[in-house]
């Protein structure tokens, strides 16, 4: 049987099932990323002659497929954030993408070098690829679509963090690449890394993203009002905007991840109540889910075809320490003085979901430079992502439901106290 026909049939069936699976398991302890990860494990355990999924041998396809998935997810993430940008509104996510991310990179890099015996460049790369949270797999702990009025601090903070830190981690991936190249050539690299990779590329990403976001918002929302310019309500405009923004920014040697998220945020800040934001968000979310299904099944297949072959007990313990100790602790340190409740701070700290973005960064770095510990890094990263998908997948819905119930209970208590102070009973107020 032609393997190509088998592949497109499996992808079609998996994508079709996404129309019902999320709703079917909504009340269960499972998340649909776990379901499709298991499907990948099962189908690659069968004699179907499917394409070999292990990214160790196909780093080019791993780069481009994960790259596409992440930029589409970044557009969807930016379009659904409704909170205006300011230090007061964005304090928690900005602390997470600065303090938490830098601490995570530093601690993982040190432990990778000191405990695992990795070369310095490989140790820094491990920290850099694991530092960003994932916008693709974190739907259960993110804010809803643009027409959803509910936006609590936990969901907003995790959504904004996932949008920002995918681009914020890129300079440190380039730091690892520069260290690896410098170690082999003996040439200096620090000044160029600071000026080019840390400063120029970030500035270009923000500038191009903001400029294109404003331009697209003007064309979509304002230009048709005062001129004969045709109005559009096609959701695919969001996907087109994603590809154009990413492509132009990369051509200008900026960070395309940063640009896509900034462009989405900028577009969503115009005509905030307009239903077209929901139309664009829903379209790119559907594309995101199809890509996610493919990647999760490939990841599941890689788990049974060699991805974890180079995992050591030390690497596994480091991965568990990162998920259970390093991420929660560094996040809580960053936000412990903020206004939200302790249980909300614990939830924000715990749900540092890792996923597709880490695979992109790792494959990208291996295409740019030679790292002696490449196989071991793939195994450690694969293990961390696997555990994260299962761990956060089985806990997310229950924790978020608990937080929602706690907030509703607190609001009811406040209304009772307020009604009592005005001489009304709570029952009278409800009537």
Protein backbone atom coordinates (compact mmCIF):
# COMPACT_ATOMS: atom_id res chain seq x y z
CA UNK A 1 0.00 0.00 0.00
CA UNK A 2 1.24 3.49 -0.88
CA UNK A 3 2.50 5.07 2.37
CA UNK A 4 1.51 8.54 1.11
CA UNK A 5 -2.14 7.48 0.89
CA UNK A 6 -1.95 6.00 4.38
CA UNK A 7 -0.43 9.23 5.73
CA UNK A 8 -3.03 11.61 4.28
CA UNK A 9 -5.83 9.26 5.40
CA UNK A 10 -4.51 9.21 8.98
CA UNK A 11 -4.06 12.98 9.00
CA UNK A 12 -7.56 13.45 7.61
CA UNK A 13 -9.14 11.16 10.20
CA UNK A 14 -7.20 12.80 13.04
CA UNK A 15 -8.08 16.32 11.90
CA UNK A 16 -11.72 15.31 11.42
CA UNK A 17 -11.87 13.93 14.93
CA UNK A 18 -10.80 17.33 16.31
CA UNK A 19 -14.32 18.55 15.52
CA UNK A 20 -15.66 16.36 18.36
CA UNK A 21 -12.83 15.13 20.61
CA UNK A 22 -12.33 18.38 22.62
CA UNK A 23 -16.04 18.50 23.48
CA UNK A 24 -16.23 14.77 24.21
CA UNK A 25 -13.41 14.85 26.79
CA UNK A 26 -14.18 18.30 28.20
CA UNK A 27 -15.42 16.87 31.52
CA UNK A 28 -12.74 14.19 31.78
CA UNK A 29 -9.27 14.38 33.32
CA UNK A 30 -7.62 14.08 29.89
CA UNK A 31 -6.62 16.76 27.42
CA UNK A 32 -6.75 16.22 23.69
CA UNK A 33 -2.96 16.65 23.26
CA UNK A 34 -2.61 13.49 25.39
CA UNK A 35 -5.11 11.68 23.13
CA UNK A 36 -3.24 12.49 19.93
CA UNK A 37 0.12 11.77 21.51
CA UNK A 38 -1.17 8.28 22.35
CA UNK A 39 -2.57 7.90 18.83
CA UNK A 40 0.90 8.63 17.47
CA UNK A 41 2.42 6.01 19.76
CA UNK A 42 -0.16 3.44 18.63
CA UNK A 43 -0.03 4.00 14.88
CA UNK A 44 3.78 3.99 14.84
CA UNK A 45 3.71 0.70 16.74
CA UNK A 46 1.78 -0.85 13.84
CA UNK A 47 3.38 -2.16 10.62
CA UNK A 48 2.10 0.68 8.41
CA UNK A 49 5.39 1.78 6.80
CA UNK A 50 4.87 5.38 7.85
CA UNK A 51 7.56 8.08 7.37
CA UNK A 52 10.21 7.86 10.07
CA UNK A 53 9.25 10.51 12.66
CA UNK A 54 12.46 10.83 14.68
CA UNK A 55 13.70 14.46 14.42
CA UNK A 56 17.29 13.29 15.00
CA UNK A 57 17.31 12.21 11.37
CA UNK A 58 14.98 14.83 9.89
CA UNK A 59 15.96 18.13 11.48
CA UNK A 60 15.10 20.16 8.35
CA UNK A 61 11.47 19.05 8.36
CA UNK A 62 11.35 19.43 12.14
CA UNK A 63 12.45 23.06 11.82
CA UNK A 64 9.88 24.06 9.20
CA UNK A 65 6.88 22.14 10.50
CA UNK A 66 7.35 23.32 14.08
CA UNK A 67 8.13 26.85 12.84
CA UNK A 68 4.83 27.03 10.96
CA UNK A 69 2.90 25.66 13.92
CA UNK A 70 4.39 28.18 16.34
CA UNK A 71 3.83 31.29 14.20
CA UNK A 72 0.20 30.33 13.53
CA UNK A 73 -0.29 29.78 17.25
CA UNK A 74 1.33 33.13 18.06
CA UNK A 75 -1.15 34.91 15.78
CA UNK A 76 -4.08 33.13 17.45
CA UNK A 77 -2.65 33.95 20.88
CA UNK A 78 -2.22 37.64 20.13
CA UNK A 79 -5.67 38.02 18.59
CA UNK A 80 -7.47 36.73 21.69
CA UNK A 81 -5.75 38.96 24.24
CA UNK A 82 -8.06 41.86 25.11
CA UNK A 83 -6.05 43.61 27.82
CA UNK A 84 -4.46 46.92 26.84
CA UNK A 85 -0.68 46.98 27.00
CA UNK A 86 0.73 48.82 30.03
CA UNK A 87 3.09 47.99 32.87
CA UNK A 88 0.21 47.72 35.33
CA UNK A 89 -1.82 45.38 33.11
CA UNK A 90 1.11 43.31 31.87
CA UNK A 91 3.33 43.27 34.95
CA UNK A 92 3.01 39.52 35.66
CA UNK A 93 3.72 38.20 32.13
CA UNK A 94 6.58 40.68 31.68
CA UNK A 95 8.14 39.40 34.90
CA UNK A 96 7.69 35.83 33.68
CA UNK A 97 9.43 36.52 30.35
CA UNK A 98 12.31 38.33 32.03
CA UNK A 99 13.05 37.18 35.58
CA UNK A 100 11.64 33.66 35.29
CA UNK A 101 13.03 32.96 31.85
CA UNK A 102 16.52 34.23 32.67
CA UNK A 103 16.64 32.28 35.93
CA UNK A 104 15.41 29.14 34.16
CA UNK A 105 18.04 29.46 31.44
CA UNK A 106 20.80 30.09 33.95
CA UNK A 107 19.86 27.25 36.31
CA UNK A 108 19.33 24.71 33.53
CA UNK A 109 22.56 25.72 31.81
CA UNK A 110 24.53 25.38 35.06
CA UNK A 111 23.01 21.99 35.92
CA UNK A 112 23.47 20.76 32.36
CA UNK A 113 27.17 21.65 32.53
CA UNK A 114 27.87 20.69 36.15
CA UNK A 115 25.60 17.66 36.60
CA UNK A 116 25.17 16.20 33.10
CA UNK A 117 28.65 17.09 31.88
CA UNK A 118 27.42 18.91 28.77
CA UNK A 119 29.70 21.25 26.87
CA UNK A 120 29.04 24.90 27.79
CA UNK A 121 27.35 25.66 24.46
CA UNK A 122 25.09 22.60 24.72
CA UNK A 123 24.23 23.46 28.32
CA UNK A 124 23.20 27.00 27.35
CA UNK A 125 21.19 25.58 24.46
CA UNK A 126 19.33 23.25 26.83
CA UNK A 127 18.37 26.20 29.01
CA UNK A 128 17.36 28.33 26.05
CA UNK A 129 15.13 25.75 24.34
CA UNK A 130 13.35 24.79 27.56
CA UNK A 131 12.85 28.32 28.90
CA UNK A 132 9.86 29.38 26.76
CA UNK A 133 6.38 28.09 27.50
CA UNK A 134 4.33 26.78 24.62
CA UNK A 135 1.46 28.66 22.92
CA UNK A 136 0.41 25.55 20.95
CA UNK A 137 -0.41 23.09 23.75
CA UNK A 138 -1.61 25.51 26.42
CA UNK A 139 -5.18 26.10 25.28
CA UNK A 140 -6.70 24.80 28.53
CA UNK A 141 -4.96 27.47 30.60
CA UNK A 142 -5.29 30.36 28.15
CA UNK A 143 -7.93 33.02 27.62
CA UNK A 144 -10.82 32.26 25.31
CA UNK A 145 -11.57 33.75 21.87
CA UNK A 146 -11.96 37.53 21.42
CA UNK A 147 -15.72 37.43 22.08
CA UNK A 148 -15.18 35.75 25.46
CA UNK A 149 -15.46 38.40 28.16
CA UNK A 150 -13.90 36.19 30.88
CA UNK A 151 -10.19 37.01 31.30
CA UNK A 152 -8.78 36.30 34.76
CA UNK A 153 -5.19 36.97 35.81
CA UNK A 154 -4.09 33.33 35.56
CA UNK A 155 -5.32 32.78 32.01
CA UNK A 156 -4.15 36.19 30.83
CA UNK A 157 -0.68 35.84 32.37
CA UNK A 158 -0.07 32.37 30.93
CA UNK A 159 -1.39 33.44 27.51
CA UNK A 160 0.73 36.57 27.33
CA UNK A 161 3.80 34.72 28.62
CA UNK A 162 3.43 32.04 25.94
CA UNK A 163 3.12 34.73 23.28
CA UNK A 164 6.10 36.78 24.37
CA UNK A 165 8.68 34.26 25.47
CA UNK A 166 8.84 32.27 22.25
CA UNK A 167 10.57 35.25 20.68
CA UNK A 168 12.36 36.30 23.86
CA UNK A 169 14.22 32.99 24.06
CA UNK A 170 15.67 33.33 20.56
CA UNK A 171 18.66 35.53 21.53
CA UNK A 172 19.78 32.83 23.96
CA UNK A 173 19.49 30.13 21.31
CA UNK A 174 21.77 32.29 19.19
CA UNK A 175 24.05 32.67 22.23
CA UNK A 176 24.46 28.88 22.33
CA UNK A 177 25.08 28.81 18.57
CA UNK A 178 27.69 31.59 18.86
CA UNK A 179 29.43 29.72 21.69
CA UNK A 180 29.49 26.49 19.66
CA UNK A 181 30.88 28.22 16.57
CA UNK A 182 33.37 30.21 18.63
CA UNK A 183 34.61 27.06 20.36
CA UNK A 184 35.41 25.46 17.00
CA UNK A 185 36.89 28.54 15.26
CA UNK A 186 38.44 30.42 18.18
CA UNK A 187 36.90 33.70 16.98
CA UNK A 188 35.30 36.29 19.26
CA UNK A 189 31.53 36.35 19.33
CA UNK A 190 30.21 38.24 22.37
CA UNK A 191 30.00 41.77 20.96
CA UNK A 192 28.32 40.64 17.76
CA UNK A 193 25.84 38.56 19.76
CA UNK A 194 24.88 41.51 21.98
CA UNK A 195 24.51 44.06 19.18
CA UNK A 196 23.02 41.82 16.51
CA UNK A 197 21.17 38.93 18.13
CA UNK A 198 20.13 40.55 21.41
CA UNK A 199 19.44 44.16 20.38
CA UNK A 200 18.94 44.58 16.62
CA UNK A 201 16.79 41.51 15.96
CA UNK A 202 14.46 42.20 18.89
CA UNK A 203 14.01 45.85 17.91
CA UNK A 204 13.32 44.90 14.29
CA UNK A 205 10.80 42.27 15.36
CA UNK A 206 8.87 44.72 17.53
CA UNK A 207 9.04 47.57 14.98
CA UNK A 208 7.97 45.54 11.95
CA UNK A 209 5.28 43.71 13.90
CA UNK A 210 3.83 46.96 15.24
CA UNK A 211 4.02 48.70 11.84
CA UNK A 212 2.38 45.86 9.94
CA UNK A 213 -0.22 45.39 12.66
CA UNK A 214 -1.23 49.05 12.49
CA UNK A 215 -1.24 49.00 8.70
CA UNK A 216 -3.40 45.89 8.50
CA UNK A 217 -5.79 47.23 11.13
CA UNK A 218 -6.19 50.44 9.13
CA UNK A 219 -6.86 48.55 5.90
CA UNK A 220 -9.31 46.14 7.54
CA UNK A 221 -11.26 48.41 9.88
CA UNK A 222 -10.86 52.06 8.89
CA UNK A 223 -10.13 52.39 5.16
CA UNK A 224 -13.47 50.86 3.99
CA UNK A 225 -15.41 53.36 6.13
CA UNK A 226 -14.32 56.51 4.33
CA UNK A 227 -13.47 55.24 0.85
CA UNK A 228 -14.64 52.79 -1.78
CA UNK A 229 -12.02 50.29 -0.63
CA UNK A 230 -13.73 46.88 -0.38
CA UNK A 231 -14.45 45.46 3.07
CA UNK A 232 -13.25 41.95 3.88
CA UNK A 233 -14.52 39.49 6.45
CA UNK A 234 -12.50 36.44 5.40
CA UNK A 235 -10.81 34.66 8.29
CA UNK A 236 -7.86 33.58 6.15
CA UNK A 237 -6.57 37.17 6.30
CA UNK A 238 -5.14 36.29 9.72
CA UNK A 239 -3.12 33.41 8.23
CA UNK A 240 -1.95 35.64 5.38
CA UNK A 241 -0.94 38.33 7.88
CA UNK A 242 0.99 35.72 9.85
CA UNK A 243 3.02 34.57 6.86
CA UNK A 244 3.66 38.10 5.52
CA UNK A 245 4.72 39.45 8.91
CA UNK A 246 6.99 36.52 9.62
CA UNK A 247 8.51 36.52 6.13
CA UNK A 248 9.22 40.26 5.95
CA UNK A 249 10.71 40.31 9.43
CA UNK A 250 13.00 37.38 8.72
CA UNK A 251 14.09 39.08 5.48
CA UNK A 252 15.04 42.11 7.57
CA UNK A 253 16.94 39.76 9.94
CA UNK A 254 14.56 40.42 12.82
CA UNK A 255 12.82 37.90 15.04
CA UNK A 256 9.72 36.77 13.19
CA UNK A 257 8.19 35.20 16.31
CA UNK A 258 8.28 38.57 18.08
CA UNK A 259 6.86 40.35 15.04
CA UNK A 260 3.90 37.98 14.58
CA UNK A 261 2.81 38.26 18.21
CA UNK A 262 3.22 42.06 18.27
CA UNK A 263 1.29 42.37 14.99
CA UNK A 264 -1.55 40.26 16.39
CA UNK A 265 -1.67 42.31 19.60
CA UNK A 266 -1.70 45.53 17.59
CA UNK A 267 -4.50 44.38 15.30
CA UNK A 268 -6.59 43.19 18.24
CA UNK A 269 -6.33 46.59 19.94
CA UNK A 270 -8.29 48.28 17.11
CA UNK A 271 -12.09 48.05 17.01
CA UNK A 272 -11.91 45.72 20.01
CA UNK A 273 -15.58 44.78 19.94
CA UNK A 274 -15.65 43.99 16.22
CA UNK A 275 -16.75 40.45 15.39
CA UNK A 276 -14.09 40.18 12.69
CA UNK A 277 -11.45 39.62 15.39
CA UNK A 278 -13.30 36.45 16.34
CA UNK A 279 -13.54 35.40 12.69
CA UNK A 280 -9.78 35.74 12.21
CA UNK A 281 -9.00 34.04 15.51
CA UNK A 282 -11.27 31.08 14.79
CA UNK A 283 -9.72 30.52 11.36
CA UNK A 284 -6.10 30.47 12.54
CA UNK A 285 -7.09 28.36 15.56
CA UNK A 286 -8.49 25.71 13.22
CA UNK A 287 -5.23 25.71 11.23
CA UNK A 288 -3.30 25.57 14.49
CA UNK A 289 -5.22 22.50 15.64
CA UNK A 290 -4.59 20.62 12.40
CA UNK A 291 -0.85 21.33 12.61
CA UNK A 292 -0.86 20.38 16.28
CA UNK A 293 -2.52 17.04 15.53
CA UNK A 294 0.18 16.24 12.98
CA UNK A 295 3.02 17.24 15.26
CA UNK A 296 1.63 15.39 18.27
CA UNK A 297 1.25 12.18 16.31
CA UNK A 298 4.78 12.54 14.94
CA UNK A 299 6.03 13.20 18.44
CA UNK A 300 4.21 10.14 19.74
CA UNK A 301 5.76 8.12 16.93
CA UNK A 302 9.23 9.44 17.73
CA UNK A 303 8.87 8.25 21.32
CA UNK A 304 8.63 4.65 20.14
CA UNK A 305 11.18 4.91 17.33
CA UNK A 306 14.27 6.17 19.14
CA UNK A 307 13.84 9.73 20.44
CA UNK A 308 14.45 8.66 24.05
CA UNK A 309 17.24 6.17 23.31
CA UNK A 310 19.92 8.55 24.65
CA UNK A 311 18.07 9.55 27.80
CA UNK A 312 20.01 8.89 31.00
CA UNK A 313 18.74 8.76 34.57
CA UNK A 314 20.52 12.03 35.24
CA UNK A 315 18.83 13.66 32.26
CA UNK A 316 15.42 12.37 33.32
CA UNK A 317 15.91 13.64 36.88
CA UNK A 318 16.96 17.04 35.56
CA UNK A 319 13.83 17.15 33.41
CA UNK A 320 11.59 16.32 36.37
CA UNK A 321 13.41 18.85 38.54
CA UNK A 322 12.81 21.49 35.89
CA UNK A 323 9.06 20.83 35.68
CA UNK A 324 8.41 20.36 39.40
CA UNK A 325 10.95 22.68 41.02
CA UNK A 326 12.86 25.06 38.75
CA UNK A 327 9.98 26.49 36.71
CA UNK A 328 7.51 26.77 39.62
CA UNK A 329 10.11 28.27 41.96
CA UNK A 330 11.55 30.81 39.52
CA UNK A 331 8.06 31.89 38.44
CA UNK A 332 6.86 32.30 42.02
CA UNK A 333 9.96 34.34 42.87
CA UNK A 334 9.17 36.66 39.96
CA UNK A 335 5.52 37.29 40.88
CA UNK A 336 5.24 36.73 44.64
CA UNK A 337 4.67 40.45 45.36
CA UNK A 338 1.88 40.84 42.81
CA UNK A 339 -1.74 41.49 43.67
CA UNK A 340 -3.28 38.13 42.74
CA UNK A 341 -4.03 35.46 45.34
CA UNK A 342 -1.55 32.83 46.48
CA UNK A 343 -3.42 30.02 44.75
CA UNK A 344 -3.39 32.01 41.49
CA UNK A 345 0.35 32.60 41.82
CA UNK A 346 0.88 28.87 42.39
CA UNK A 347 -1.18 28.04 39.28
CA UNK A 348 0.71 30.56 37.14
CA UNK A 349 4.02 29.17 38.40
CA UNK A 350 3.07 25.53 37.88
CA UNK A 351 1.61 25.72 34.37
CA UNK A 352 4.78 26.39 32.45
CA UNK A 353 3.77 24.06 29.63
CA UNK A 354 6.58 22.98 27.30
CA UNK A 355 6.05 21.77 23.75
CA UNK A 356 6.44 22.48 20.06
CA UNK A 357 8.51 25.65 20.40
CA UNK A 358 11.28 23.75 22.19
CA UNK A 359 11.52 21.31 19.28
CA UNK A 360 11.79 24.20 16.82
CA UNK A 361 14.62 25.88 18.71
CA UNK A 362 16.55 22.66 19.11
CA UNK A 363 16.26 21.66 15.46
CA UNK A 364 17.08 25.22 14.39
CA UNK A 365 20.25 25.32 16.51
CA UNK A 366 21.44 21.96 15.20
CA UNK A 367 21.04 23.24 11.65
CA UNK A 368 23.18 26.29 12.45
CA UNK A 369 26.08 24.71 14.35
CA UNK A 370 27.54 21.39 15.44
CA UNK A 371 26.83 20.34 19.03
CA UNK A 372 28.60 17.29 20.42
CA UNK A 373 25.70 16.35 22.69
CA UNK A 374 22.91 16.58 20.09
CA UNK A 375 21.41 13.12 20.60
CA UNK A 376 21.32 13.51 24.36
CA UNK A 377 19.69 16.94 24.10
CA UNK A 378 16.94 15.57 21.84
CA UNK A 379 16.23 12.84 24.38
CA UNK A 380 16.12 15.24 27.37
CA UNK A 381 13.91 17.76 25.57
CA UNK A 382 11.63 14.99 24.27
CA UNK A 383 11.28 13.59 27.79
CA UNK A 384 10.46 17.00 29.31
CA UNK A 385 7.84 17.75 26.66
CA UNK A 386 6.28 14.29 27.03
CA UNK A 387 5.98 14.64 30.81
CA UNK A 388 4.69 18.20 30.46
CA UNK A 389 1.94 17.16 28.05
CA UNK A 390 0.76 14.42 30.43
CA UNK A 391 1.31 16.28 33.70
CA UNK A 392 -0.25 19.57 32.69
CA UNK A 393 -2.86 17.89 30.53
CA UNK A 394 -4.39 15.89 33.39
CA UNK A 395 -4.26 18.77 35.87
CA UNK A 396 -5.15 21.86 33.82
CA UNK A 397 -8.93 21.51 33.59
CA UNK A 398 -9.34 20.58 37.26
CA UNK A 399 -7.12 23.40 38.51
CA UNK A 400 -8.77 26.00 36.30
CA UNK A 401 -12.24 24.82 37.37
CA UNK A 402 -11.17 25.09 41.01
CA UNK A 403 -9.86 28.63 40.49
CA UNK A 404 -13.04 29.66 38.67
CA UNK A 405 -15.21 28.30 41.50
CA UNK A 406 -13.04 30.07 44.07
CA UNK A 407 -13.40 33.39 42.28
CA UNK A 408 -17.17 32.98 42.00
CA UNK A 409 -17.37 32.15 45.69
CA UNK A 410 -15.33 35.23 46.59
CA UNK A 411 -17.57 37.45 44.47
CA UNK A 412 -20.66 36.04 46.16
CA UNK A 413 -19.14 36.68 49.58
CA UNK A 414 -18.30 40.27 48.63
CA UNK A 415 -21.86 40.86 47.43
CA UNK A 416 -23.20 39.43 50.68
CA UNK A 417 -21.00 41.76 52.71
CA UNK A 418 -21.93 44.73 50.51
CA UNK A 419 -25.66 44.01 50.71
CA UNK A 420 -25.40 43.60 54.48
CA UNK A 421 -23.72 46.98 54.88
CA UNK A 422 -26.57 48.69 52.97
CA UNK A 423 -29.29 47.01 55.01
CA UNK A 424 -30.41 44.63 52.26
CA UNK A 425 -30.37 40.90 52.53
CA UNK A 426 -28.53 38.92 49.88
CA UNK A 427 -31.82 37.23 48.94
CA UNK A 428 -33.50 40.63 48.44
CA UNK A 429 -30.63 41.76 46.27
CA UNK A 430 -30.93 38.70 44.09
CA UNK A 431 -34.71 39.27 43.69
